[in-house]
Amino acid sequence: MARKKQPPISASDRRIVGGILRELRRAAGYRSVESAATLDSCPVSRQTIYAYERGGLTPSLPQLLELVEFYALDAPTRDARAELRLLGVAAITRALTLPAYHVTEAWELISRLQPER
């Protein structure tokens, strides 16, 4: 069965997603894209992060979730862990309001970002 062609993602959605990722990266303590991308645990390349943040490309929902998880849970700034978890939830929640994404996998990550008891 042939895949259904998806409508193009709007420039506005691409800019919003890029801004979300840039804000989360900076909050996680990565001043530059390169400082994040050089880590082995980073799920994407430097060029890909640049393309996402500039709105040239939009990550799929699984790719977005991987980046949010990387920034929020693997950040070098351990003292801001609770704030990063909240920012991670806010980033996913905002992305889910965009027509570019579906919801199922996002709820799983939001659940993992909740504080442990």
PDB file of N, CA and C in Angstrom:
ATOM      1  N   MET A   1       0.837  -1.165   0.000  1.00  0.00           N
ATOM      2  CA  MET A   1       0.000   0.000   0.000  1.00  0.00           C
ATOM      3  C   MET A   1       0.894   1.245   0.000  1.00  0.00           C
ATOM      4  N   ALA A   2       0.585   2.179  -0.827  1.00  0.00           N
ATOM      5  CA  ALA A   2       1.371   3.410  -0.932  1.00  0.00           C
ATOM      6  C   ALA A   2       1.123   4.298   0.282  1.00  0.00           C
ATOM      7  N   ARG A   3       2.154   5.036   0.639  1.00  0.00           N
ATOM      8  CA  ARG A   3       2.013   5.979   1.759  1.00  0.00           C
ATOM      9  C   ARG A   3       1.222   7.189   1.311  1.00  0.00           C
ATOM     10  N   LYS A   4       0.414   7.684   2.211  1.00  0.00           N
ATOM     11  CA  LYS A   4      -0.369   8.883   1.936  1.00  0.00           C
ATOM     12  C   LYS A   4       0.552  10.094   2.033  1.00  0.00           C
ATOM     13  N   LYS A   5       0.496  10.953   1.040  1.00  0.00           N
ATOM     14  CA  LYS A   5       1.324  12.158   1.061  1.00  0.00           C
ATOM     15  C   LYS A   5       0.796  13.119   2.121  1.00  0.00           C
ATOM     16  N   GLN A   6       1.702  13.547   2.998  1.00  0.00           N
ATOM     17  CA  GLN A   6       1.333  14.462   4.070  1.00  0.00           C
ATOM     18  C   GLN A   6       1.427  15.903   3.579  1.00  0.00           C
ATOM     19  N   PRO A   7       0.560  16.769   4.079  1.00  0.00           N
ATOM     20  CA  PRO A   7       0.660  18.178   3.687  1.00  0.00           C
ATOM     21  C   PRO A   7       1.955  18.779   4.220  1.00  0.00           C
ATOM     22  N   PRO A   8       2.498  19.778   3.544  1.00  0.00           N
ATOM     23  CA  PRO A   8       3.751  20.382   4.016  1.00  0.00           C
ATOM     24  C   PRO A   8       3.550  21.072   5.369  1.00  0.00           C
ATOM     25  N   ILE A   9       4.629  21.089   6.134  1.00  0.00           N
ATOM     26  CA  ILE A   9       4.597  21.748   7.444  1.00  0.00           C
ATOM     27  C   ILE A   9       4.771  23.244   7.211  1.00  0.00           C
ATOM     28  N   SER A  10       3.949  24.029   7.859  1.00  0.00           N
ATOM     29  CA  SER A  10       3.980  25.472   7.640  1.00  0.00           C
ATOM     30  C   SER A  10       5.273  26.088   8.172  1.00  0.00           C
ATOM     31  N   ALA A  11       5.654  27.205   7.589  1.00  0.00           N
ATOM     32  CA  ALA A  11       6.848  27.931   8.040  1.00  0.00           C
ATOM     33  C   ALA A  11       6.691  28.375   9.487  1.00  0.00           C
ATOM     34  N   SER A  12       5.495  28.731   9.869  1.00  0.00           N
ATOM     35  CA  SER A  12       5.234  29.142  11.246  1.00  0.00           C
ATOM     36  C   SER A  12       5.488  27.992  12.222  1.00  0.00           C
ATOM     37  N   ASP A  13       4.991  26.802  11.901  1.00  0.00           N
ATOM     38  CA  ASP A  13       5.226  25.637  12.753  1.00  0.00           C
ATOM     39  C   ASP A  13       6.714  25.314  12.840  1.00  0.00           C
ATOM     40  N   ARG A  14       7.417  25.410  11.714  1.00  0.00           N
ATOM     41  CA  ARG A  14       8.861  25.135  11.719  1.00  0.00           C
ATOM     42  C   ARG A  14       9.596  26.116  12.623  1.00  0.00           C
ATOM     43  N   ARG A  15       9.213  27.400  12.567  1.00  0.00           N
ATOM     44  CA  ARG A  15       9.854  28.411  13.427  1.00  0.00           C
ATOM     45  C   ARG A  15       9.546  28.155  14.907  1.00  0.00           C
ATOM     46  N   ILE A  16       8.323  27.787  15.205  1.00  0.00           N
ATOM     47  CA  ILE A  16       7.940  27.525  16.591  1.00  0.00           C
ATOM     48  C   ILE A  16       8.729  26.340  17.147  1.00  0.00           C
ATOM     49  N   VAL A  17       8.793  25.261  16.397  1.00  0.00           N
ATOM     50  CA  VAL A  17       9.536  24.087  16.848  1.00  0.00           C
ATOM     51  C   VAL A  17      11.012  24.420  17.016  1.00  0.00           C
ATOM     52  N   GLY A  18      11.579  25.166  16.077  1.00  0.00           N
ATOM     53  CA  GLY A  18      12.984  25.576  16.187  1.00  0.00           C
ATOM     54  C   GLY A  18      13.232  26.408  17.427  1.00  0.00           C
ATOM     55  N   GLY A  19      12.330  27.319  17.723  1.00  0.00           N
ATOM     56  CA  GLY A  19      12.466  28.153  18.917  1.00  0.00           C
ATOM     57  C   GLY A  19      12.365  27.346  20.198  1.00  0.00           C
ATOM     58  N   ILE A  20      11.461  26.382  20.218  1.00  0.00           N
ATOM     59  CA  ILE A  20      11.314  25.502  21.383  1.00  0.00           C
ATOM     60  C   ILE A  20      12.617  24.756  21.638  1.00  0.00           C
ATOM     61  N   LEU A  21      13.180  24.190  20.583  1.00  0.00           N
ATOM     62  CA  LEU A  21      14.420  23.415  20.738  1.00  0.00           C
ATOM     63  C   LEU A  21      15.594  24.301  21.142  1.00  0.00           C
ATOM     64  N   ARG A  22      15.676  25.489  20.571  1.00  0.00           N
ATOM     65  CA  ARG A  22      16.764  26.413  20.921  1.00  0.00           C
ATOM     66  C   ARG A  22      16.673  26.814  22.398  1.00  0.00           C
ATOM     67  N   GLU A  23      15.474  27.141  22.853  1.00  0.00           N
ATOM     68  CA  GLU A  23      15.278  27.541  24.246  1.00  0.00           C
ATOM     69  C   GLU A  23      15.630  26.398  25.196  1.00  0.00           C
ATOM     70  N   LEU A  24      15.225  25.195  24.866  1.00  0.00           N
ATOM     71  CA  LEU A  24      15.512  24.040  25.718  1.00  0.00           C
ATOM     72  C   LEU A  24      17.011  23.737  25.741  1.00  0.00           C
ATOM     73  N   ARG A  25      17.660  23.838  24.580  1.00  0.00           N
ATOM     74  CA  ARG A  25      19.115  23.607  24.523  1.00  0.00           C
ATOM     75  C   ARG A  25      19.849  24.591  25.416  1.00  0.00           C
ATOM     76  N   ARG A  26      19.501  25.849  25.305  1.00  0.00           N
ATOM     77  CA  ARG A  26      20.171  26.878  26.121  1.00  0.00           C
ATOM     78  C   ARG A  26      19.894  26.683  27.607  1.00  0.00           C
ATOM     79  N   ALA A  27      18.654  26.341  27.947  1.00  0.00           N
ATOM     80  CA  ALA A  27      18.314  26.107  29.353  1.00  0.00           C
ATOM     81  C   ALA A  27      19.058  24.906  29.916  1.00  0.00           C
ATOM     82  N   ALA A  28      19.361  23.948  29.047  1.00  0.00           N
ATOM     83  CA  ALA A  28      20.085  22.755  29.478  1.00  0.00           C
ATOM     84  C   ALA A  28      21.572  23.030  29.700  1.00  0.00           C
ATOM     85  N   GLY A  29      22.020  24.216  29.338  1.00  0.00           N
ATOM     86  CA  GLY A  29      23.417  24.577  29.571  1.00  0.00           C
ATOM     87  C   GLY A  29      24.314  24.438  28.365  1.00  0.00           C
ATOM     88  N   TYR A  30      23.738  24.146  27.217  1.00  0.00           N
ATOM     89  CA  TYR A  30      24.527  24.052  25.984  1.00  0.00           C
ATOM     90  C   TYR A  30      24.476  25.410  25.295  1.00  0.00           C
ATOM     91  N   ARG A  31      25.554  26.173  25.400  1.00  0.00           N
ATOM     92  CA  ARG A  31      25.571  27.517  24.831  1.00  0.00           C
ATOM     93  C   ARG A  31      25.578  27.489  23.313  1.00  0.00           C
ATOM     94  N   SER A  32      26.160  26.451  22.747  1.00  0.00           N
ATOM     95  CA  SER A  32      26.202  26.341  21.297  1.00  0.00           C
ATOM     96  C   SER A  32      25.658  24.980  20.871  1.00  0.00           C
ATOM     97  N   VAL A  33      25.243  24.901  19.627  1.00  0.00           N
ATOM     98  CA  VAL A  33      24.793  23.629  19.070  1.00  0.00           C
ATOM     99  C   VAL A  33      25.940  22.628  19.100  1.00  0.00           C
ATOM    100  N   GLU A  34      27.127  23.092  18.804  1.00  0.00           N
ATOM    101  CA  GLU A  34      28.287  22.199  18.761  1.00  0.00           C
ATOM    102  C   GLU A  34      28.549  21.550  20.112  1.00  0.00           C
ATOM    103  N   SER A  35      28.382  22.302  21.201  1.00  0.00           N
ATOM    104  CA  SER A  35      28.639  21.730  22.526  1.00  0.00           C
ATOM    105  C   SER A  35      27.677  20.590  22.842  1.00  0.00           C
ATOM    106  N   ALA A  36      26.476  20.643  22.325  1.00  0.00           N
ATOM    107  CA  ALA A  36      25.512  19.551  22.524  1.00  0.00           C
ATOM    108  C   ALA A  36      25.792  18.405  21.566  1.00  0.00           C
ATOM    109  N   ALA A  37      26.063  18.729  20.318  1.00  0.00           N
ATOM    110  CA  ALA A  37      26.201  17.714  19.282  1.00  0.00           C
ATOM    111  C   ALA A  37      27.467  16.870  19.424  1.00  0.00           C
ATOM    112  N   THR A  38      28.470  17.370  20.119  1.00  0.00           N
ATOM    113  CA  THR A  38      29.704  16.596  20.248  1.00  0.00           C
ATOM    114  C   THR A  38      29.584  15.458  21.254  1.00  0.00           C
ATOM    115  N   LEU A  39      28.546  15.458  22.059  1.00  0.00           N
ATOM    116  CA  LEU A  39      28.350  14.378  23.032  1.00  0.00           C
ATOM    117  C   LEU A  39      27.852  13.114  22.336  1.00  0.00           C
ATOM    118  N   ASP A  40      28.344  11.974  22.782  1.00  0.00           N
ATOM    119  CA  ASP A  40      27.922  10.701  22.195  1.00  0.00           C
ATOM    120  C   ASP A  40      26.433  10.435  22.395  1.00  0.00           C
ATOM    121  N   SER A  41      25.872  10.960  23.469  1.00  0.00           N
ATOM    122  CA  SER A  41      24.455  10.712  23.759  1.00  0.00           C
ATOM    123  C   SER A  41      23.507  11.597  22.948  1.00  0.00           C
ATOM    124  N   CYS A  42      24.041  12.577  22.221  1.00  0.00           N
ATOM    125  CA  CYS A  42      23.195  13.457  21.419  1.00  0.00           C
ATOM    126  C   CYS A  42      22.590  12.646  20.266  1.00  0.00           C
ATOM    127  N   PRO A  43      21.269  12.687  20.111  1.00  0.00           N
ATOM    128  CA  PRO A  43      20.612  11.838  19.119  1.00  0.00           C
ATOM    129  C   PRO A  43      20.715  12.302  17.663  1.00  0.00           C
ATOM    130  N   VAL A  44      21.192  13.520  17.418  1.00  0.00           N
ATOM    131  CA  VAL A  44      21.282  14.023  16.044  1.00  0.00           C
ATOM    132  C   VAL A  44      22.594  14.771  15.837  1.00  0.00           C
ATOM    133  N   SER A  45      22.902  15.028  14.587  1.00  0.00           N
ATOM    134  CA  SER A  45      24.149  15.720  14.241  1.00  0.00           C
ATOM    135  C   SER A  45      24.024  17.230  14.434  1.00  0.00           C
ATOM    136  N   ARG A  46      25.158  17.892  14.431  1.00  0.00           N
ATOM    137  CA  ARG A  46      25.211  19.352  14.567  1.00  0.00           C
ATOM    138  C   ARG A  46      24.411  20.022  13.450  1.00  0.00           C
ATOM    139  N   GLN A  47      24.610  19.568  12.220  1.00  0.00           N
ATOM    140  CA  GLN A  47      23.916  20.172  11.084  1.00  0.00           C
ATOM    141  C   GLN A  47      22.399  20.017  11.206  1.00  0.00           C
ATOM    142  N   THR A  48      21.963  18.884  11.733  1.00  0.00           N
ATOM    143  CA  THR A  48      20.536  18.646  11.887  1.00  0.00           C
ATOM    144  C   THR A  48      19.946  19.564  12.947  1.00  0.00           C
ATOM    145  N   ILE A  49      20.660  19.730  14.072  1.00  0.00           N
ATOM    146  CA  ILE A  49      20.172  20.644  15.109  1.00  0.00           C
ATOM    147  C   ILE A  49      20.070  22.059  14.555  1.00  0.00           C
ATOM    148  N   TYR A  50      21.097  22.486  13.824  1.00  0.00           N
ATOM    149  CA  TYR A  50      21.043  23.815  13.201  1.00  0.00           C
ATOM    150  C   TYR A  50      19.819  23.940  12.296  1.00  0.00           C
ATOM    151  N   ALA A  51      19.584  22.930  11.467  1.00  0.00           N
ATOM    152  CA  ALA A  51      18.454  22.980  10.537  1.00  0.00           C
ATOM    153  C   ALA A  51      17.130  23.037  11.292  1.00  0.00           C
ATOM    154  N   TYR A  52      17.003  22.300  12.386  1.00  0.00           N
ATOM    155  CA  TYR A  52      15.783  22.340  13.186  1.00  0.00           C
ATOM    156  C   TYR A  52      15.595  23.718  13.808  1.00  0.00           C
ATOM    157  N   GLU A  53      16.650  24.220  14.441  1.00  0.00           N
ATOM    158  CA  GLU A  53      16.537  25.498  15.159  1.00  0.00           C
ATOM    159  C   GLU A  53      16.284  26.670  14.221  1.00  0.00           C
ATOM    160  N   ARG A  54      16.777  26.588  13.013  1.00  0.00           N
ATOM    161  CA  ARG A  54      16.577  27.677  12.049  1.00  0.00           C
ATOM    162  C   ARG A  54      15.281  27.542  11.263  1.00  0.00           C
ATOM    163  N   GLY A  55      14.570  26.430  11.452  1.00  0.00           N
ATOM    164  CA  GLY A  55      13.295  26.235  10.771  1.00  0.00           C
ATOM    165  C   GLY A  55      13.418  25.690   9.370  1.00  0.00           C
ATOM    166  N   GLY A  56      14.596  25.239   8.986  1.00  0.00           N
ATOM    167  CA  GLY A  56      14.772  24.652   7.662  1.00  0.00           C
ATOM    168  C   GLY A  56      14.185  23.255   7.584  1.00  0.00           C
ATOM    169  N   LEU A  57      14.290  22.517   8.665  1.00  0.00           N
ATOM    170  CA  LEU A  57      13.716  21.179   8.779  1.00  0.00           C
ATOM    171  C   LEU A  57      12.878  21.126  10.046  1.00  0.00           C
ATOM    172  N   THR A  58      11.937  20.210  10.073  1.00  0.00           N
ATOM    173  CA  THR A  58      11.148  19.980  11.272  1.00  0.00           C
ATOM    174  C   THR A  58      11.331  18.525  11.666  1.00  0.00           C
ATOM    175  N   PRO A  59      11.702  18.278  12.914  1.00  0.00           N
ATOM    176  CA  PRO A  59      11.869  16.882  13.316  1.00  0.00           C
ATOM    177  C   PRO A  59      10.525  16.156  13.365  1.00  0.00           C
ATOM    178  N   SER A  60      10.576  14.864  13.091  1.00  0.00           N
ATOM    179  CA  SER A  60       9.375  14.061  13.304  1.00  0.00           C
ATOM    180  C   SER A  60       9.113  14.040  14.807  1.00  0.00           C
ATOM    181  N   LEU A  61       7.947  13.575  15.204  1.00  0.00           N
ATOM    182  CA  LEU A  61       7.646  13.538  16.634  1.00  0.00           C
ATOM    183  C   LEU A  61       8.641  12.656  17.394  1.00  0.00           C
ATOM    184  N   PRO A  62       8.997  11.465  16.901  1.00  0.00           N
ATOM    185  CA  PRO A  62      10.010  10.688  17.630  1.00  0.00           C
ATOM    186  C   PRO A  62      11.348  11.414  17.739  1.00  0.00           C
ATOM    187  N   GLN A  63      11.765  12.125  16.698  1.00  0.00           N
ATOM    188  CA  GLN A  63      13.016  12.884  16.748  1.00  0.00           C
ATOM    189  C   GLN A  63      12.919  14.030  17.754  1.00  0.00           C
ATOM    190  N   LEU A  64      11.785  14.722  17.772  1.00  0.00           N
ATOM    191  CA  LEU A  64      11.580  15.798  18.730  1.00  0.00           C
ATOM    192  C   LEU A  64      11.647  15.259  20.159  1.00  0.00           C
ATOM    193  N   LEU A  65      10.989  14.134  20.395  1.00  0.00           N
ATOM    194  CA  LEU A  65      10.987  13.544  21.725  1.00  0.00           C
ATOM    195  C   LEU A  65      12.392  13.136  22.163  1.00  0.00           C
ATOM    196  N   GLU A  66      13.181  12.605  21.241  1.00  0.00           N
ATOM    197  CA  GLU A  66      14.567  12.243  21.571  1.00  0.00           C
ATOM    198  C   GLU A  66      15.383  13.464  21.973  1.00  0.00           C
ATOM    199  N   LEU A  67      15.223  14.549  21.235  1.00  0.00           N
ATOM    200  CA  LEU A  67      15.966  15.774  21.570  1.00  0.00           C
ATOM    201  C   LEU A  67      15.515  16.363  22.902  1.00  0.00           C
ATOM    202  N   VAL A  68      14.216  16.393  23.147  1.00  0.00           N
ATOM    203  CA  VAL A  68      13.716  16.907  24.422  1.00  0.00           C
ATOM    204  C   VAL A  68      14.247  16.039  25.563  1.00  0.00           C
ATOM    205  N   GLU A  69      14.217  14.743  25.382  1.00  0.00           N
ATOM    206  CA  GLU A  69      14.738  13.833  26.409  1.00  0.00           C
ATOM    207  C   GLU A  69      16.223  14.081  26.651  1.00  0.00           C
ATOM    208  N   PHE A  70      16.973  14.241  25.589  1.00  0.00           N
ATOM    209  CA  PHE A  70      18.410  14.516  25.705  1.00  0.00           C
ATOM    210  C   PHE A  70      18.657  15.809  26.474  1.00  0.00           C
ATOM    211  N   TYR A  71      17.980  16.883  26.090  1.00  0.00           N
ATOM    212  CA  TYR A  71      18.191  18.173  26.749  1.00  0.00           C
ATOM    213  C   TYR A  71      17.685  18.164  28.197  1.00  0.00           C
ATOM    214  N   ALA A  72      16.536  17.574  28.433  1.00  0.00           N
ATOM    215  CA  ALA A  72      15.925  17.657  29.760  1.00  0.00           C
ATOM    216  C   ALA A  72      16.492  16.651  30.758  1.00  0.00           C
ATOM    217  N   LEU A  73      16.904  15.490  30.282  1.00  0.00           N
ATOM    218  CA  LEU A  73      17.351  14.455  31.219  1.00  0.00           C
ATOM    219  C   LEU A  73      18.861  14.231  31.226  1.00  0.00           C
ATOM    220  N   ASP A  74      19.548  14.599  30.162  1.00  0.00           N
ATOM    221  CA  ASP A  74      20.995  14.371  30.088  1.00  0.00           C
ATOM    222  C   ASP A  74      21.798  15.661  30.178  1.00  0.00           C
ATOM    223  N   ALA A  75      21.171  16.724  30.629  1.00  0.00           N
ATOM    224  CA  ALA A  75      21.821  18.039  30.659  1.00  0.00           C
ATOM    225  C   ALA A  75      22.966  18.072  31.655  1.00  0.00           C
ATOM    226  N   PRO A  76      24.010  18.847  31.337  1.00  0.00           N
ATOM    227  CA  PRO A  76      25.131  18.970  32.271  1.00  0.00           C
ATOM    228  C   PRO A  76      24.797  19.789  33.512  1.00  0.00           C
ATOM    229  N   THR A  77      23.734  20.582  33.475  1.00  0.00           N
ATOM    230  CA  THR A  77      23.367  21.418  34.628  1.00  0.00           C
ATOM    231  C   THR A  77      22.428  20.649  35.534  1.00  0.00           C
ATOM    232  N   ARG A  78      22.994  19.905  36.449  1.00  0.00           N
ATOM    233  CA  ARG A  78      22.203  19.063  37.358  1.00  0.00           C
ATOM    234  C   ARG A  78      21.366  19.890  38.330  1.00  0.00           C
ATOM    235  N   ASP A  79      21.827  21.090  38.682  1.00  0.00           N
ATOM    236  CA  ASP A  79      21.105  21.907  39.653  1.00  0.00           C
ATOM    237  C   ASP A  79      19.775  22.419  39.110  1.00  0.00           C
ATOM    238  N   ALA A  80      19.591  22.413  37.807  1.00  0.00           N
ATOM    239  CA  ALA A  80      18.350  22.910  37.197  1.00  0.00           C
ATOM    240  C   ALA A  80      17.476  21.758  36.693  1.00  0.00           C
ATOM    241  N   ARG A  81      17.685  20.565  37.228  1.00  0.00           N
ATOM    242  CA  ARG A  81      16.976  19.377  36.751  1.00  0.00           C
ATOM    243  C   ARG A  81      15.452  19.549  36.766  1.00  0.00           C
ATOM    244  N   ALA A  82      14.889  20.046  37.865  1.00  0.00           N
ATOM    245  CA  ALA A  82      13.434  20.211  37.961  1.00  0.00           C
ATOM    246  C   ALA A  82      12.923  21.213  36.924  1.00  0.00           C
ATOM    247  N   GLU A  83      13.641  22.321  36.752  1.00  0.00           N
ATOM    248  CA  GLU A  83      13.234  23.318  35.756  1.00  0.00           C
ATOM    249  C   GLU A  83      13.311  22.748  34.347  1.00  0.00           C
ATOM    250  N   LEU A  84      14.335  21.961  34.072  1.00  0.00           N
ATOM    251  CA  LEU A  84      14.472  21.363  32.743  1.00  0.00           C
ATOM    252  C   LEU A  84      13.354  20.367  32.469  1.00  0.00           C
ATOM    253  N   ARG A  85      12.954  19.622  33.474  1.00  0.00           N
ATOM    254  CA  ARG A  85      11.830  18.698  33.292  1.00  0.00           C
ATOM    255  C   ARG A  85      10.555  19.474  32.954  1.00  0.00           C
ATOM    256  N   LEU A  86      10.332  20.579  33.656  1.00  0.00           N
ATOM    257  CA  LEU A  86       9.158  21.406  33.363  1.00  0.00           C
ATOM    258  C   LEU A  86       9.239  21.999  31.956  1.00  0.00           C
ATOM    259  N   LEU A  87      10.405  22.477  31.572  1.00  0.00           N
ATOM    260  CA  LEU A  87      10.586  23.003  30.217  1.00  0.00           C
ATOM    261  C   LEU A  87      10.378  21.905  29.179  1.00  0.00           C
ATOM    262  N   GLY A  88      10.833  20.713  29.489  1.00  0.00           N
ATOM    263  CA  GLY A  88      10.625  19.582  28.582  1.00  0.00           C
ATOM    264  C   GLY A  88       9.156  19.281  28.380  1.00  0.00           C
ATOM    265  N   VAL A  89       8.399  19.269  29.457  1.00  0.00           N
ATOM    266  CA  VAL A  89       6.953  19.040  29.361  1.00  0.00           C
ATOM    267  C   VAL A  89       6.296  20.175  28.574  1.00  0.00           C
ATOM    268  N   ALA A  90       6.705  21.410  28.864  1.00  0.00           N
ATOM    269  CA  ALA A  90       6.135  22.565  28.155  1.00  0.00           C
ATOM    270  C   ALA A  90       6.461  22.507  26.656  1.00  0.00           C
ATOM    271  N   ALA A  91       7.681  22.101  26.316  1.00  0.00           N
ATOM    272  CA  ALA A  91       8.073  22.014  24.897  1.00  0.00           C
ATOM    273  C   ALA A  91       7.227  20.977  24.165  1.00  0.00           C
ATOM    274  N   ILE A  92       7.041  19.829  24.777  1.00  0.00           N
ATOM    275  CA  ILE A  92       6.234  18.780  24.141  1.00  0.00           C
ATOM    276  C   ILE A  92       4.779  19.217  24.034  1.00  0.00           C
ATOM    277  N   THR A  93       4.255  19.781  25.092  1.00  0.00           N
ATOM    278  CA  THR A  93       2.860  20.225  25.092  1.00  0.00           C
ATOM    279  C   THR A  93       2.624  21.254  24.000  1.00  0.00           C
ATOM    280  N   ARG A  94       3.546  22.195  23.851  1.00  0.00           N
ATOM    281  CA  ARG A  94       3.404  23.217  22.800  1.00  0.00           C
ATOM    282  C   ARG A  94       3.463  22.588  21.418  1.00  0.00           C
ATOM    283  N   ALA A  95       4.415  21.676  21.222  1.00  0.00           N
ATOM    284  CA  ALA A  95       4.546  21.029  19.915  1.00  0.00           C
ATOM    285  C   ALA A  95       3.285  20.235  19.564  1.00  0.00           C
ATOM    286  N   LEU A  96       2.651  19.650  20.559  1.00  0.00           N
ATOM    287  CA  LEU A  96       1.444  18.867  20.301  1.00  0.00           C
ATOM    288  C   LEU A  96       0.272  19.726  19.852  1.00  0.00           C
ATOM    289  N   THR A  97       0.325  21.003  20.107  1.00  0.00           N
ATOM    290  CA  THR A  97      -0.750  21.880  19.643  1.00  0.00           C
ATOM    291  C   THR A  97      -0.580  22.236  18.175  1.00  0.00           C
ATOM    292  N   LEU A  98       0.563  21.910  17.604  1.00  0.00           N
ATOM    293  CA  LEU A  98       0.824  22.231  16.199  1.00  0.00           C
ATOM    294  C   LEU A  98       0.272  21.138  15.296  1.00  0.00           C
ATOM    295  N   PRO A  99      -0.235  21.501  14.145  1.00  0.00           N
ATOM    296  CA  PRO A  99      -0.757  20.501  13.217  1.00  0.00           C
ATOM    297  C   PRO A  99       0.313  19.538  12.703  1.00  0.00           C
ATOM    298  N   ALA A 100       1.567  19.879  12.880  1.00  0.00           N
ATOM    299  CA  ALA A 100       2.649  19.047  12.350  1.00  0.00           C
ATOM    300  C   ALA A 100       2.837  17.730  13.106  1.00  0.00           C
ATOM    301  N   TYR A 101       2.223  17.568  14.291  1.00  0.00           N
ATOM    302  CA  TYR A 101       2.494  16.401  15.142  1.00  0.00           C
ATOM    303  C   TYR A 101       1.252  15.626  15.544  1.00  0.00           C
ATOM    304  N   HIS A 102       1.510  14.368  15.919  1.00  0.00           N
ATOM    305  CA  HIS A 102       0.493  13.481  16.494  1.00  0.00           C
ATOM    306  C   HIS A 102       0.811  13.307  17.972  1.00  0.00           C
ATOM    307  N   VAL A 103      -0.058  12.682  18.733  1.00  0.00           N
ATOM    308  CA  VAL A 103       0.027  12.750  20.182  1.00  0.00           C
ATOM    309  C   VAL A 103       0.560  11.495  20.886  1.00  0.00           C
ATOM    310  N   THR A 104       0.384  10.321  20.395  1.00  0.00           N
ATOM    311  CA  THR A 104       0.581   9.080  21.144  1.00  0.00           C
ATOM    312  C   THR A 104       1.916   8.967  21.870  1.00  0.00           C
ATOM    313  N   GLU A 105       3.019   9.100  21.172  1.00  0.00           N
ATOM    314  CA  GLU A 105       4.335   8.927  21.798  1.00  0.00           C
ATOM    315  C   GLU A 105       4.685  10.064  22.756  1.00  0.00           C
ATOM    316  N   ALA A 106       4.128  11.221  22.547  1.00  0.00           N
ATOM    317  CA  ALA A 106       4.433  12.358  23.419  1.00  0.00           C
ATOM    318  C   ALA A 106       3.968  12.106  24.851  1.00  0.00           C
ATOM    319  N   TRP A 107       2.821  11.475  25.039  1.00  0.00           N
ATOM    320  CA  TRP A 107       2.334  11.225  26.396  1.00  0.00           C
ATOM    321  C   TRP A 107       3.287  10.305  27.151  1.00  0.00           C
ATOM    322  N   GLU A 108       3.924   9.392  26.461  1.00  0.00           N
ATOM    323  CA  GLU A 108       4.876   8.493  27.105  1.00  0.00           C
ATOM    324  C   GLU A 108       6.077   9.270  27.651  1.00  0.00           C
ATOM    325  N   LEU A 109       6.620  10.178  26.876  1.00  0.00           N
ATOM    326  CA  LEU A 109       7.758  10.967  27.345  1.00  0.00           C
ATOM    327  C   LEU A 109       7.355  11.911  28.476  1.00  0.00           C
ATOM    328  N   ILE A 110       6.196  12.530  28.360  1.00  0.00           N
ATOM    329  CA  ILE A 110       5.726  13.405  29.436  1.00  0.00           C
ATOM    330  C   ILE A 110       5.655  12.615  30.743  1.00  0.00           C
ATOM    331  N   SER A 111       5.198  11.401  30.668  1.00  0.00           N
ATOM    332  CA  SER A 111       5.135  10.552  31.855  1.00  0.00           C
ATOM    333  C   SER A 111       6.521  10.322  32.444  1.00  0.00           C
ATOM    334  N   ARG A 112       7.515  10.082  31.598  1.00  0.00           N
ATOM    335  CA  ARG A 112       8.889   9.853  32.081  1.00  0.00           C
ATOM    336  C   ARG A 112       9.531  11.119  32.626  1.00  0.00           C
ATOM    337  N   LEU A 113       9.070  12.284  32.200  1.00  0.00           N
ATOM    338  CA  LEU A 113       9.644  13.544  32.683  1.00  0.00           C
ATOM    339  C   LEU A 113       9.095  13.960  34.046  1.00  0.00           C
ATOM    340  N   GLN A 114       8.062  13.263  34.511  1.00  0.00           N
ATOM    341  CA  GLN A 114       7.503  13.590  35.825  1.00  0.00           C
ATOM    342  C   GLN A 114       8.517  13.250  36.910  1.00  0.00           C
ATOM    343  N   PRO A 115       8.533  14.026  37.990  1.00  0.00           N
ATOM    344  CA  PRO A 115       9.480  13.744  39.078  1.00  0.00           C
ATOM    345  C   PRO A 115       9.221  12.378  39.700  1.00  0.00           C
ATOM    346  N   GLU A 116      10.291  11.701  40.068  1.00  0.00           N
ATOM    347  CA  GLU A 116      10.172  10.407  40.729  1.00  0.00           C
ATOM    348  C   GLU A 116       9.735  10.612  42.161  1.00  0.00           C
ATOM    349  N   ARG A 117       9.002   9.671  42.674  1.00  0.00           N
ATOM    350  CA  ARG A 117       8.529   9.777  44.058  1.00  0.00           C
ATOM    351  C   ARG A 117       9.170   8.741  44.916  1.00  0.00           C
TER     352      ARG A 117
END
